[in-house]
PDB file of N, CA and C in Angstrom:
ATOM      1  N   UNK A   1     112.657 112.781  74.891  1.00  0.00           N
ATOM      2  CA  UNK A   1     112.933 112.922  73.548  1.00  0.00           C
ATOM      3  C   UNK A   1     114.356 114.308  73.531  1.00  0.00           C
ATOM      4  N   UNK A   2     114.688 114.645  74.616  1.00  0.00           N
ATOM      5  CA  UNK A   2     115.973 115.395  74.451  1.00  0.00           C
ATOM      6  C   UNK A   2     117.291 114.605  73.867  1.00  0.00           C
ATOM      7  N   UNK A   3     117.243 113.453  74.097  1.00  0.00           N
ATOM      8  CA  UNK A   3     118.369 112.626  73.706  1.00  0.00           C
ATOM      9  C   UNK A   3     118.410 112.755  71.944  1.00  0.00           C
ATOM     10  N   UNK A   4     117.000 112.532  71.670  1.00  0.00           N
ATOM     11  CA  UNK A   4     116.358 112.383  70.135  1.00  0.00           C
ATOM     12  C   UNK A   4     117.272 113.913  69.720  1.00  0.00           C
ATOM     13  N   UNK A   5     116.419 114.381  70.081  1.00  0.00           N
ATOM     14  CA  UNK A   5     116.775 116.055  69.425  1.00  0.00           C
ATOM     15  C   UNK A   5     118.747 115.892  69.746  1.00  0.00           C
ATOM     16  N   UNK A   6     118.755 116.170  70.132  1.00  0.00           N
ATOM     17  CA  UNK A   6     120.336 116.236  70.683  1.00  0.00           C
ATOM     18  C   UNK A   6     121.237 115.391  69.542  1.00  0.00           C
ATOM     19  N   UNK A   7     120.348 113.913  69.102  1.00  0.00           N
ATOM     20  CA  UNK A   7     120.931 113.331  68.442  1.00  0.00           C
ATOM     21  C   UNK A   7     120.860 113.856  66.442  1.00  0.00           C
ATOM     22  N   UNK A   8     119.329 114.196  66.922  1.00  0.00           N
ATOM     23  CA  UNK A   8     118.859 115.168  65.005  1.00  0.00           C
ATOM     24  C   UNK A   8     120.302 116.209  64.964  1.00  0.00           C
ATOM     25  N   UNK A   9     120.529 117.159  66.051  1.00  0.00           N
ATOM     26  CA  UNK A   9     120.803 118.431  65.758  1.00  0.00           C
ATOM     27  C   UNK A   9     123.295 118.366  65.864  1.00  0.00           C
ATOM     28  N   UNK A  10     123.484 116.731  66.822  1.00  0.00           N
ATOM     29  CA  UNK A  10     124.713 116.337  66.183  1.00  0.00           C
ATOM     30  C   UNK A  10     124.809 115.299  66.350  1.00  0.00           C
ATOM     31  N   UNK A  11     124.935 114.435  65.242  1.00  0.00           N
ATOM     32  CA  UNK A  11     124.751 112.901  64.878  1.00  0.00           C
ATOM     33  C   UNK A  11     125.851 112.548  65.344  1.00  0.00           C
ATOM     34  N   UNK A  12     126.113 111.131  65.864  1.00  0.00           N
ATOM     35  CA  UNK A  12     127.044 110.641  66.654  1.00  0.00           C
ATOM     36  C   UNK A  12     127.464 109.102  65.745  1.00  0.00           C
ATOM     37  N   UNK A  13     128.094 108.773  65.122  1.00  0.00           N
ATOM     38  CA  UNK A  13     128.437 107.621  64.709  1.00  0.00           C
ATOM     39  C   UNK A  13     127.896 106.076  65.405  1.00  0.00           C
ATOM     40  N   UNK A  14     128.371 106.442  66.764  1.00  0.00           N
ATOM     41  CA  UNK A  14     127.950 105.233  67.057  1.00  0.00           C
ATOM     42  C   UNK A  14     126.813 105.414  67.695  1.00  0.00           C
ATOM     43  N   UNK A  15     125.419 106.112  67.857  1.00  0.00           N
ATOM     44  CA  UNK A  15     124.239 105.711  68.402  1.00  0.00           C
ATOM     45  C   UNK A  15     123.166 104.991  67.123  1.00  0.00           C
ATOM     46  N   UNK A  16     122.792 104.722  67.844  1.00  0.00           N
ATOM     47  CA  UNK A  16     121.612 103.837  66.948  1.00  0.00           C
ATOM     48  C   UNK A  16     120.617 104.734  66.970  1.00  0.00           C
ATOM     49  N   UNK A  17     120.193 106.294  67.282  1.00  0.00           N
ATOM     50  CA  UNK A  17     119.278 106.524  68.002  1.00  0.00           C
ATOM     51  C   UNK A  17     119.972 107.517  66.325  1.00  0.00           C
ATOM     52  N   UNK A  18     121.162 107.685  66.192  1.00  0.00           N
ATOM     53  CA  UNK A  18     121.734 108.823  65.081  1.00  0.00           C
ATOM     54  C   UNK A  18     121.083 107.430  63.464  1.00  0.00           C
ATOM     55  N   UNK A  19     121.839 106.444  63.941  1.00  0.00           N
ATOM     56  CA  UNK A  19     121.653 105.625  62.711  1.00  0.00           C
ATOM     57  C   UNK A  19     119.741 105.396  62.632  1.00  0.00           C
ATOM     58  N   UNK A  20     119.025 105.230  63.272  1.00  0.00           N
ATOM     59  CA  UNK A  20     117.535 105.146  62.799  1.00  0.00           C
ATOM     60  C   UNK A  20     117.192 106.614  61.993  1.00  0.00           C
ATOM     61  N   UNK A  21     117.372 107.898  62.240  1.00  0.00           N
ATOM     62  CA  UNK A  21     117.092 109.369  62.314  1.00  0.00           C
ATOM     63  C   UNK A  21     118.202 109.504  61.086  1.00  0.00           C
ATOM     64  N   UNK A  22     118.725 108.655  60.612  1.00  0.00           N
ATOM     65  CA  UNK A  22     119.532 108.912  58.973  1.00  0.00           C
ATOM     66  C   UNK A  22     118.906 107.963  58.286  1.00  0.00           C
ATOM     67  N   UNK A  23     118.513 106.525  58.781  1.00  0.00           N
ATOM     68  CA  UNK A  23     117.177 106.166  58.031  1.00  0.00           C
ATOM     69  C   UNK A  23     115.763 106.519  57.386  1.00  0.00           C
ATOM     70  N   UNK A  24     115.951 107.291  57.935  1.00  0.00           N
ATOM     71  CA  UNK A  24     114.025 108.144  57.889  1.00  0.00           C
ATOM     72  C   UNK A  24     113.089 107.233  58.258  1.00  0.00           C
ATOM     73  N   UNK A  25     111.598 107.910  57.480  1.00  0.00           N
ATOM     74  CA  UNK A  25     110.739 107.203  58.120  1.00  0.00           C
ATOM     75  C   UNK A  25     110.760 105.638  57.776  1.00  0.00           C
ATOM     76  N   UNK A  26     111.438 105.259  56.718  1.00  0.00           N
ATOM     77  CA  UNK A  26     111.634 103.447  56.141  1.00  0.00           C
ATOM     78  C   UNK A  26     112.581 102.745  57.305  1.00  0.00           C
ATOM     79  N   UNK A  27     113.478 103.455  57.775  1.00  0.00           N
ATOM     80  CA  UNK A  27     114.228 102.259  59.162  1.00  0.00           C
ATOM     81  C   UNK A  27     113.243 102.567  59.799  1.00  0.00           C
ATOM     82  N   UNK A  28     112.961 103.603  60.518  1.00  0.00           N
ATOM     83  CA  UNK A  28     111.900 103.297  61.963  1.00  0.00           C
ATOM     84  C   UNK A  28     110.681 103.217  61.877  1.00  0.00           C
ATOM     85  N   UNK A  29     109.950 103.166  60.292  1.00  0.00           N
ATOM     86  CA  UNK A  29     108.792 102.571  60.874  1.00  0.00           C
ATOM     87  C   UNK A  29     109.034 100.964  60.254  1.00  0.00           C
ATOM     88  N   UNK A  30     110.020 100.489  59.220  1.00  0.00           N
ATOM     89  CA  UNK A  30     110.179  99.098  59.525  1.00  0.00           C
ATOM     90  C   UNK A  30     110.057  98.669  61.588  1.00  0.00           C
ATOM     91  N   UNK A  31     111.352  99.109  61.984  1.00  0.00           N
ATOM     92  CA  UNK A  31     111.780  99.172  63.753  1.00  0.00           C
ATOM     93  C   UNK A  31     109.909  98.959  64.373  1.00  0.00           C
ATOM     94  N   UNK A  32     109.615 100.029  63.745  1.00  0.00           N
ATOM     95  CA  UNK A  32     108.382 100.199  64.788  1.00  0.00           C
ATOM     96  C   UNK A  32     107.492  98.844  64.337  1.00  0.00           C
ATOM     97  N   UNK A  33     107.656  98.649  62.806  1.00  0.00           N
ATOM     98  CA  UNK A  33     106.721  97.109  62.811  1.00  0.00           C
ATOM     99  C   UNK A  33     107.413  96.436  63.672  1.00  0.00           C
ATOM    100  N   UNK A  34     108.519  96.117  63.925  1.00  0.00           N
ATOM    101  CA  UNK A  34     108.808  94.170  64.415  1.00  0.00           C
ATOM    102  C   UNK A  34     108.670  94.664  65.755  1.00  0.00           C
ATOM    103  N   UNK A  35     108.731  95.346  66.481  1.00  0.00           N
ATOM    104  CA  UNK A  35     108.804  96.452  67.636  1.00  0.00           C
ATOM    105  C   UNK A  35     107.002  95.712  67.844  1.00  0.00           C
ATOM    106  N   UNK A  36     106.050  96.404  67.324  1.00  0.00           N
ATOM    107  CA  UNK A  36     104.941  96.158  67.410  1.00  0.00           C
ATOM    108  C   UNK A  36     104.468  94.673  67.506  1.00  0.00           C
ATOM    109  N   UNK A  37     105.297  93.678  66.472  1.00  0.00           N
ATOM    110  CA  UNK A  37     104.900  92.310  67.079  1.00  0.00           C
ATOM    111  C   UNK A  37     105.280  91.497  67.600  1.00  0.00           C
ATOM    112  N   UNK A  38     106.245  92.625  68.343  1.00  0.00           N
ATOM    113  CA  UNK A  38     107.656  91.537  69.442  1.00  0.00           C
ATOM    114  C   UNK A  38     106.376  91.423  70.709  1.00  0.00           C
ATOM    115  N   UNK A  39     105.377  92.862  70.891  1.00  0.00           N
ATOM    116  CA  UNK A  39     104.804  93.356  71.921  1.00  0.00           C
ATOM    117  C   UNK A  39     103.755  92.484  71.893  1.00  0.00           C
ATOM    118  N   UNK A  40     102.752  92.107  71.120  1.00  0.00           N
ATOM    119  CA  UNK A  40     101.738  91.324  71.099  1.00  0.00           C
ATOM    120  C   UNK A  40     102.585  89.808  71.165  1.00  0.00           C
ATOM    121  N   UNK A  41     103.292  89.479  70.931  1.00  0.00           N
ATOM    122  CA  UNK A  41     103.952  87.783  70.617  1.00  0.00           C
ATOM    123  C   UNK A  41     104.021  87.506  72.576  1.00  0.00           C
ATOM    124  N   UNK A  42     105.204  89.008  73.677  1.00  0.00           N
ATOM    125  CA  UNK A  42     105.371  88.621  74.508  1.00  0.00           C
ATOM    126  C   UNK A  42     103.683  88.803  75.601  1.00  0.00           C
ATOM    127  N   UNK A  43     102.889  89.507  75.109  1.00  0.00           N
ATOM    128  CA  UNK A  43     101.973  89.744  75.703  1.00  0.00           C
ATOM    129  C   UNK A  43     100.944  88.323  75.853  1.00  0.00           C
ATOM    130  N   UNK A  44     101.177  87.388  74.647  1.00  0.00           N
ATOM    131  CA  UNK A  44     100.539  85.655  75.156  1.00  0.00           C
ATOM    132  C   UNK A  44     100.973  85.367  76.257  1.00  0.00           C
ATOM    133  N   UNK A  45     102.031  85.564  76.586  1.00  0.00           N
ATOM    134  CA  UNK A  45     103.206  85.065  77.311  1.00  0.00           C
ATOM    135  C   UNK A  45     102.948  85.097  78.768  1.00  0.00           C
ATOM    136  N   UNK A  46     102.781  84.095  79.021  1.00  0.00           N
ATOM    137  CA  UNK A  46     102.379  84.100  80.814  1.00  0.00           C
ATOM    138  C   UNK A  46     103.213  84.200  81.774  1.00  0.00           C
ATOM    139  N   UNK A  47     103.271  84.471  83.026  1.00  0.00           N
ATOM    140  CA  UNK A  47     103.913  84.996  83.787  1.00  0.00           C
ATOM    141  C   UNK A  47     104.452  85.243  84.463  1.00  0.00           C
ATOM    142  N   UNK A  48     105.573  85.502  85.385  1.00  0.00           N
ATOM    143  CA  UNK A  48     106.519  86.770  85.765  1.00  0.00           C
ATOM    144  C   UNK A  48     107.325  87.161  84.254  1.00  0.00           C
ATOM    145  N   UNK A  49     107.855  86.365  84.050  1.00  0.00           N
ATOM    146  CA  UNK A  49     108.516  86.218  82.706  1.00  0.00           C
ATOM    147  C   UNK A  49     108.203  86.614  81.625  1.00  0.00           C
ATOM    148  N   UNK A  50     106.911  86.522  81.355  1.00  0.00           N
ATOM    149  CA  UNK A  50     106.089  87.407  80.290  1.00  0.00           C
ATOM    150  C   UNK A  50     105.791  88.850  80.907  1.00  0.00           C
ATOM    151  N   UNK A  51     105.945  88.713  81.919  1.00  0.00           N
ATOM    152  CA  UNK A  51     105.165  90.280  82.208  1.00  0.00           C
ATOM    153  C   UNK A  51     106.672  90.807  81.498  1.00  0.00           C
ATOM    154  N   UNK A  52     107.942  90.588  82.358  1.00  0.00           N
ATOM    155  CA  UNK A  52     108.825  91.195  81.779  1.00  0.00           C
ATOM    156  C   UNK A  52     109.564  91.659  81.252  1.00  0.00           C
ATOM    157  N   UNK A  53     109.061  90.527  79.729  1.00  0.00           N
ATOM    158  CA  UNK A  53     109.339  90.506  78.325  1.00  0.00           C
ATOM    159  C   UNK A  53     108.110  91.627  77.839  1.00  0.00           C
ATOM    160  N   UNK A  54     106.832  91.206  77.945  1.00  0.00           N
ATOM    161  CA  UNK A  54     106.043  92.582  78.251  1.00  0.00           C
ATOM    162  C   UNK A  54     106.120  93.970  77.574  1.00  0.00           C
ATOM    163  N   UNK A  55     106.879  94.265  79.170  1.00  0.00           N
ATOM    164  CA  UNK A  55     107.695  95.682  79.415  1.00  0.00           C
ATOM    165  C   UNK A  55     108.756  95.732  78.606  1.00  0.00           C
ATOM    166  N   UNK A  56     109.480  95.125  78.713  1.00  0.00           N
ATOM    167  CA  UNK A  56     110.665  95.941  77.137  1.00  0.00           C
ATOM    168  C   UNK A  56     110.235  95.558  75.648  1.00  0.00           C
ATOM    169  N   UNK A  57     109.699  94.793  75.670  1.00  0.00           N
ATOM    170  CA  UNK A  57     108.735  94.993  74.080  1.00  0.00           C
ATOM    171  C   UNK A  57     108.089  96.265  74.345  1.00  0.00           C
ATOM    172  N   UNK A  58     107.594  96.529  75.291  1.00  0.00           N
ATOM    173  CA  UNK A  58     106.601  97.900  74.998  1.00  0.00           C
ATOM    174  C   UNK A  58     107.631  99.303  75.490  1.00  0.00           C
ATOM    175  N   UNK A  59     108.957  98.886  75.958  1.00  0.00           N
ATOM    176  CA  UNK A  59     109.906 100.071  75.841  1.00  0.00           C
ATOM    177  C   UNK A  59     110.215 100.477  74.426  1.00  0.00           C
ATOM    178  N   UNK A  60     110.740  99.105  73.845  1.00  0.00           N
ATOM    179  CA  UNK A  60     111.441  99.119  72.692  1.00  0.00           C
ATOM    180  C   UNK A  60     110.683  99.628  72.032  1.00  0.00           C
ATOM    181  N   UNK A  61     109.632  99.337  71.534  1.00  0.00           N
ATOM    182  CA  UNK A  61     108.208 100.448  70.498  1.00  0.00           C
ATOM    183  C   UNK A  61     108.246 101.198  71.142  1.00  0.00           C
ATOM    184  N   UNK A  62     107.791 101.615  72.599  1.00  0.00           N
ATOM    185  CA  UNK A  62     107.387 103.626  72.598  1.00  0.00           C
ATOM    186  C   UNK A  62     108.620 104.173  72.200  1.00  0.00           C
ATOM    187  N   UNK A  63     110.088 103.255  72.680  1.00  0.00           N
ATOM    188  CA  UNK A  63     111.244 104.002  71.911  1.00  0.00           C
ATOM    189  C   UNK A  63     111.160 104.808  70.639  1.00  0.00           C
ATOM    190  N   UNK A  64     111.155 103.605  69.550  1.00  0.00           N
ATOM    191  CA  UNK A  64     111.587 103.943  68.331  1.00  0.00           C
ATOM    192  C   UNK A  64     110.049 104.560  67.773  1.00  0.00           C
ATOM    193  N   UNK A  65     108.763 104.898  68.173  1.00  0.00           N
ATOM    194  CA  UNK A  65     107.838 105.910  68.074  1.00  0.00           C
ATOM    195  C   UNK A  65     108.353 106.787  68.194  1.00  0.00           C
ATOM    196  N   UNK A  66     109.177 107.036  69.372  1.00  0.00           N
ATOM    197  CA  UNK A  66     109.384 108.535  69.814  1.00  0.00           C
ATOM    198  C   UNK A  66     110.262 109.116  68.716  1.00  0.00           C
ATOM    199  N   UNK A  67     111.039 108.509  68.352  1.00  0.00           N
ATOM    200  CA  UNK A  67     112.383 108.721  67.466  1.00  0.00           C
ATOM    201  C   UNK A  67     111.423 108.991  66.518  1.00  0.00           C
ATOM    202  N   UNK A  68     110.414 107.897  65.529  1.00  0.00           N
ATOM    203  CA  UNK A  68     110.028 109.040  64.745  1.00  0.00           C
ATOM    204  C   UNK A  68     108.943 110.076  64.710  1.00  0.00           C
ATOM    205  N   UNK A  69     108.560 109.933  66.221  1.00  0.00           N
ATOM    206  CA  UNK A  69     108.109 111.546  66.563  1.00  0.00           C
ATOM    207  C   UNK A  69     108.857 112.579  66.377  1.00  0.00           C
ATOM    208  N   UNK A  70     110.424 112.659  66.999  1.00  0.00           N
ATOM    209  CA  UNK A  70     111.374 113.777  66.933  1.00  0.00           C
ATOM    210  C   UNK A  70     111.568 113.702  65.257  1.00  0.00           C
ATOM    211  N   UNK A  71     112.210 112.602  64.482  1.00  0.00           N
ATOM    212  CA  UNK A  71     111.947 112.752  63.153  1.00  0.00           C
ATOM    213  C   UNK A  71     111.234 113.314  61.996  1.00  0.00           C
ATOM    214  N   UNK A  72     109.844 113.746  62.982  1.00  0.00           N
ATOM    215  CA  UNK A  72     108.664 113.832  62.537  1.00  0.00           C
ATOM    216  C   UNK A  72     108.471 116.099  63.062  1.00  0.00           C
ATOM    217  N   UNK A  73     109.699 115.797  63.569  1.00  0.00           N
ATOM    218  CA  UNK A  73     109.391 117.296  64.293  1.00  0.00           C
ATOM    219  C   UNK A  73     107.952 117.465  65.800  1.00  0.00           C
ATOM    220  N   UNK A  74     107.913 116.373  65.748  1.00  0.00           N
ATOM    221  CA  UNK A  74     106.631 116.439  66.810  1.00  0.00           C
ATOM    222  C   UNK A  74     107.109 116.143  67.791  1.00  0.00           C
ATOM    223  N   UNK A  75     106.754 116.197  69.109  1.00  0.00           N
ATOM    224  CA  UNK A  75     106.972 115.482  70.628  1.00  0.00           C
ATOM    225  C   UNK A  75     105.440 114.346  70.910  1.00  0.00           C
ATOM    226  N   UNK A  76     106.266 113.835  72.165  1.00  0.00           N
ATOM    227  CA  UNK A  76     105.078 112.976  72.847  1.00  0.00           C
ATOM    228  C   UNK A  76     103.972 114.572  73.155  1.00  0.00           C
ATOM    229  N   UNK A  77     104.393 115.400  73.541  1.00  0.00           N
ATOM    230  CA  UNK A  77     103.073 116.604  74.476  1.00  0.00           C
ATOM    231  C   UNK A  77     102.341 116.606  73.069  1.00  0.00           C
ATOM    232  N   UNK A  78     102.709 116.900  71.409  1.00  0.00           N
ATOM    233  CA  UNK A  78     101.864 117.222  70.288  1.00  0.00           C
ATOM    234  C   UNK A  78     100.693 115.654  70.513  1.00  0.00           C
ATOM    235  N   UNK A  79     101.284 114.323  70.932  1.00  0.00           N
ATOM    236  CA  UNK A  79     100.705 113.214  70.625  1.00  0.00           C
ATOM    237  C   UNK A  79      99.515 113.529  72.220  1.00  0.00           C
ATOM    238  N   UNK A  80      99.935 114.053  73.591  1.00  0.00           N
ATOM    239  CA  UNK A  80      99.273 114.032  74.437  1.00  0.00           C
ATOM    240  C   UNK A  80      98.001 115.150  74.716  1.00  0.00           C
ATOM    241  N   UNK A  81      98.386 116.294  73.824  1.00  0.00           N
ATOM    242  CA  UNK A  81      97.142 116.898  72.828  1.00  0.00           C
ATOM    243  C   UNK A  81      96.047 116.026  72.497  1.00  0.00           C
ATOM    244  N   UNK A  82      96.849 115.855  70.927  1.00  0.00           N
ATOM    245  CA  UNK A  82      95.526 114.974  70.700  1.00  0.00           C
ATOM    246  C   UNK A  82      94.665 113.988  71.630  1.00  0.00           C
ATOM    247  N   UNK A  83      96.040 113.114  72.318  1.00  0.00           N
ATOM    248  CA  UNK A  83      94.319 112.187  73.165  1.00  0.00           C
ATOM    249  C   UNK A  83      93.667 112.788  74.336  1.00  0.00           C
ATOM    250  N   UNK A  84      94.141 113.721  74.696  1.00  0.00           N
ATOM    251  CA  UNK A  84      93.114 115.447  75.077  1.00  0.00           C
ATOM    252  C   UNK A  84      92.054 115.727  74.425  1.00  0.00           C
ATOM    253  N   UNK A  85      92.374 116.056  73.543  1.00  0.00           N
ATOM    254  CA  UNK A  85      90.943 116.770  72.431  1.00  0.00           C
ATOM    255  C   UNK A  85      90.627 114.950  72.485  1.00  0.00           C
ATOM    256  N   UNK A  86      90.729 113.814  72.497  1.00  0.00           N
ATOM    257  CA  UNK A  86      89.668 113.218  72.067  1.00  0.00           C
ATOM    258  C   UNK A  86      88.812 112.740  73.163  1.00  0.00           C
ATOM    259  N   UNK A  87      89.598 113.673  74.674  1.00  0.00           N
ATOM    260  CA  UNK A  87      88.908 113.064  75.805  1.00  0.00           C
ATOM    261  C   UNK A  87      87.578 113.371  75.995  1.00  0.00           C
ATOM    262  N   UNK A  88      86.618 112.595  76.433  1.00  0.00           N
ATOM    263  CA  UNK A  88      84.907 112.568  76.661  1.00  0.00           C
ATOM    264  C   UNK A  88      84.356 112.919  75.055  1.00  0.00           C
ATOM    265  N   UNK A  89      85.295 111.863  73.789  1.00  0.00           N
ATOM    266  CA  UNK A  89      84.465 111.183  72.430  1.00  0.00           C
ATOM    267  C   UNK A  89      84.395 110.267  72.253  1.00  0.00           C
ATOM    268  N   UNK A  90      82.946 109.431  72.243  1.00  0.00           N
ATOM    269  CA  UNK A  90      83.287 108.146  71.925  1.00  0.00           C
ATOM    270  C   UNK A  90      84.280 107.829  70.661  1.00  0.00           C
ATOM    271  N   UNK A  91      84.743 106.636  70.997  1.00  0.00           N
ATOM    272  CA  UNK A  91      86.000 106.558  70.123  1.00  0.00           C
ATOM    273  C   UNK A  91      85.525 106.194  69.014  1.00  0.00           C
ATOM    274  N   UNK A  92      84.324 105.859  68.206  1.00  0.00           N
ATOM    275  CA  UNK A  92      83.795 105.586  67.565  1.00  0.00           C
ATOM    276  C   UNK A  92      83.005 106.520  66.478  1.00  0.00           C
ATOM    277  N   UNK A  93      82.450 107.439  67.489  1.00  0.00           N
ATOM    278  CA  UNK A  93      82.457 109.211  67.327  1.00  0.00           C
ATOM    279  C   UNK A  93      83.475 109.569  66.457  1.00  0.00           C
ATOM    280  N   UNK A  94      84.385 109.462  67.000  1.00  0.00           N
ATOM    281  CA  UNK A  94      85.467 110.276  66.795  1.00  0.00           C
ATOM    282  C   UNK A  94      86.285 109.518  65.741  1.00  0.00           C
ATOM    283  N   UNK A  95      86.256 108.400  65.311  1.00  0.00           N
ATOM    284  CA  UNK A  95      86.636 107.561  64.316  1.00  0.00           C
ATOM    285  C   UNK A  95      85.806 108.236  62.507  1.00  0.00           C
ATOM    286  N   UNK A  96      84.467 108.099  63.465  1.00  0.00           N
ATOM    287  CA  UNK A  96      83.573 108.449  62.401  1.00  0.00           C
ATOM    288  C   UNK A  96      83.481 109.790  61.752  1.00  0.00           C
ATOM    289  N   UNK A  97      84.396 111.039  62.675  1.00  0.00           N
ATOM    290  CA  UNK A  97      84.385 111.919  62.258  1.00  0.00           C
ATOM    291  C   UNK A  97      85.975 112.427  61.620  1.00  0.00           C
ATOM    292  N   UNK A  98      86.951 111.747  61.071  1.00  0.00           N
ATOM    293  CA  UNK A  98      87.810 111.553  60.714  1.00  0.00           C
ATOM    294  C   UNK A  98      87.064 111.958  59.124  1.00  0.00           C
ATOM    295  N   UNK A  99      87.848 112.914  58.242  1.00  0.00           N
ATOM    296  CA  UNK A  99      87.899 112.916  56.547  1.00  0.00           C
ATOM    297  C   UNK A  99      88.159 111.579  55.670  1.00  0.00           C
ATOM    298  N   UNK A 100      89.339 110.873  56.231  1.00  0.00           N
ATOM    299  CA  UNK A 100      90.351 110.253  55.137  1.00  0.00           C
ATOM    300  C   UNK A 100      89.874 108.538  55.314  1.00  0.00           C
ATOM    301  N   UNK A 101      88.808 108.355  54.348  1.00  0.00           N
ATOM    302  CA  UNK A 101      88.422 106.993  54.660  1.00  0.00           C
ATOM    303  C   UNK A 101      90.178 105.752  54.340  1.00  0.00           C
ATOM    304  N   UNK A 102      89.401 105.285  55.518  1.00  0.00           N
ATOM    305  CA  UNK A 102      90.392 103.904  55.559  1.00  0.00           C
ATOM    306  C   UNK A 102      91.325 102.821  54.176  1.00  0.00           C
ATOM    307  N   UNK A 103      91.897 102.813  54.547  1.00  0.00           N
ATOM    308  CA  UNK A 103      92.496 101.926  53.054  1.00  0.00           C
ATOM    309  C   UNK A 103      91.597 101.390  52.344  1.00  0.00           C
ATOM    310  N   UNK A 104      91.736 101.151  50.501  1.00  0.00           N
ATOM    311  CA  UNK A 104      90.730 100.741  50.127  1.00  0.00           C
ATOM    312  C   UNK A 104      89.637 101.356  49.834  1.00  0.00           C
ATOM    313  N   UNK A 105      89.428 102.621  50.429  1.00  0.00           N
ATOM    314  CA  UNK A 105      88.620 103.792  49.791  1.00  0.00           C
ATOM    315  C   UNK A 105      87.496 103.817  50.274  1.00  0.00           C
ATOM    316  N   UNK A 106      86.962 102.585  51.015  1.00  0.00           N
ATOM    317  CA  UNK A 106      85.645 102.851  51.419  1.00  0.00           C
ATOM    318  C   UNK A 106      85.713 102.933  53.002  1.00  0.00           C
ATOM    319  N   UNK A 107      84.199 103.439  53.712  1.00  0.00           N
ATOM    320  CA  UNK A 107      84.429 103.640  55.075  1.00  0.00           C
ATOM    321  C   UNK A 107      83.665 102.599  55.649  1.00  0.00           C
ATOM    322  N   UNK A 108      84.908 101.877  56.603  1.00  0.00           N
ATOM    323  CA  UNK A 108      83.568 100.522  57.270  1.00  0.00           C
ATOM    324  C   UNK A 108      82.873 101.072  58.275  1.00  0.00           C
ATOM    325  N   UNK A 109      81.562 100.455  58.388  1.00  0.00           N
ATOM    326  CA  UNK A 109      81.021 101.030  59.206  1.00  0.00           C
ATOM    327  C   UNK A 109      81.075 100.749  61.078  1.00  0.00           C
TER     328      UNK A 109
END
């Protein structure tokens, strides 16, 4: 996160992170969607090469997620705190407690 914060404060024309930050949510979000798809594809690959590819794609997805969090002035610590808050709560119970219905306007059971 220090590198991301550094690029926010002092952009570099040679930095991929700077380019993402300058593109905002749309640019970063598009990369997250792309990397998530590549992660799932890599998970289907077998053998040691598949495992190596999966780790590579997971790192790419994690990096882009961290850039988005940084863009939104959030940290991995904020995410960790939310996960800690949820610990001990059933995932279904936590999902049902949310006030926002899923897309489409209806709560699914």
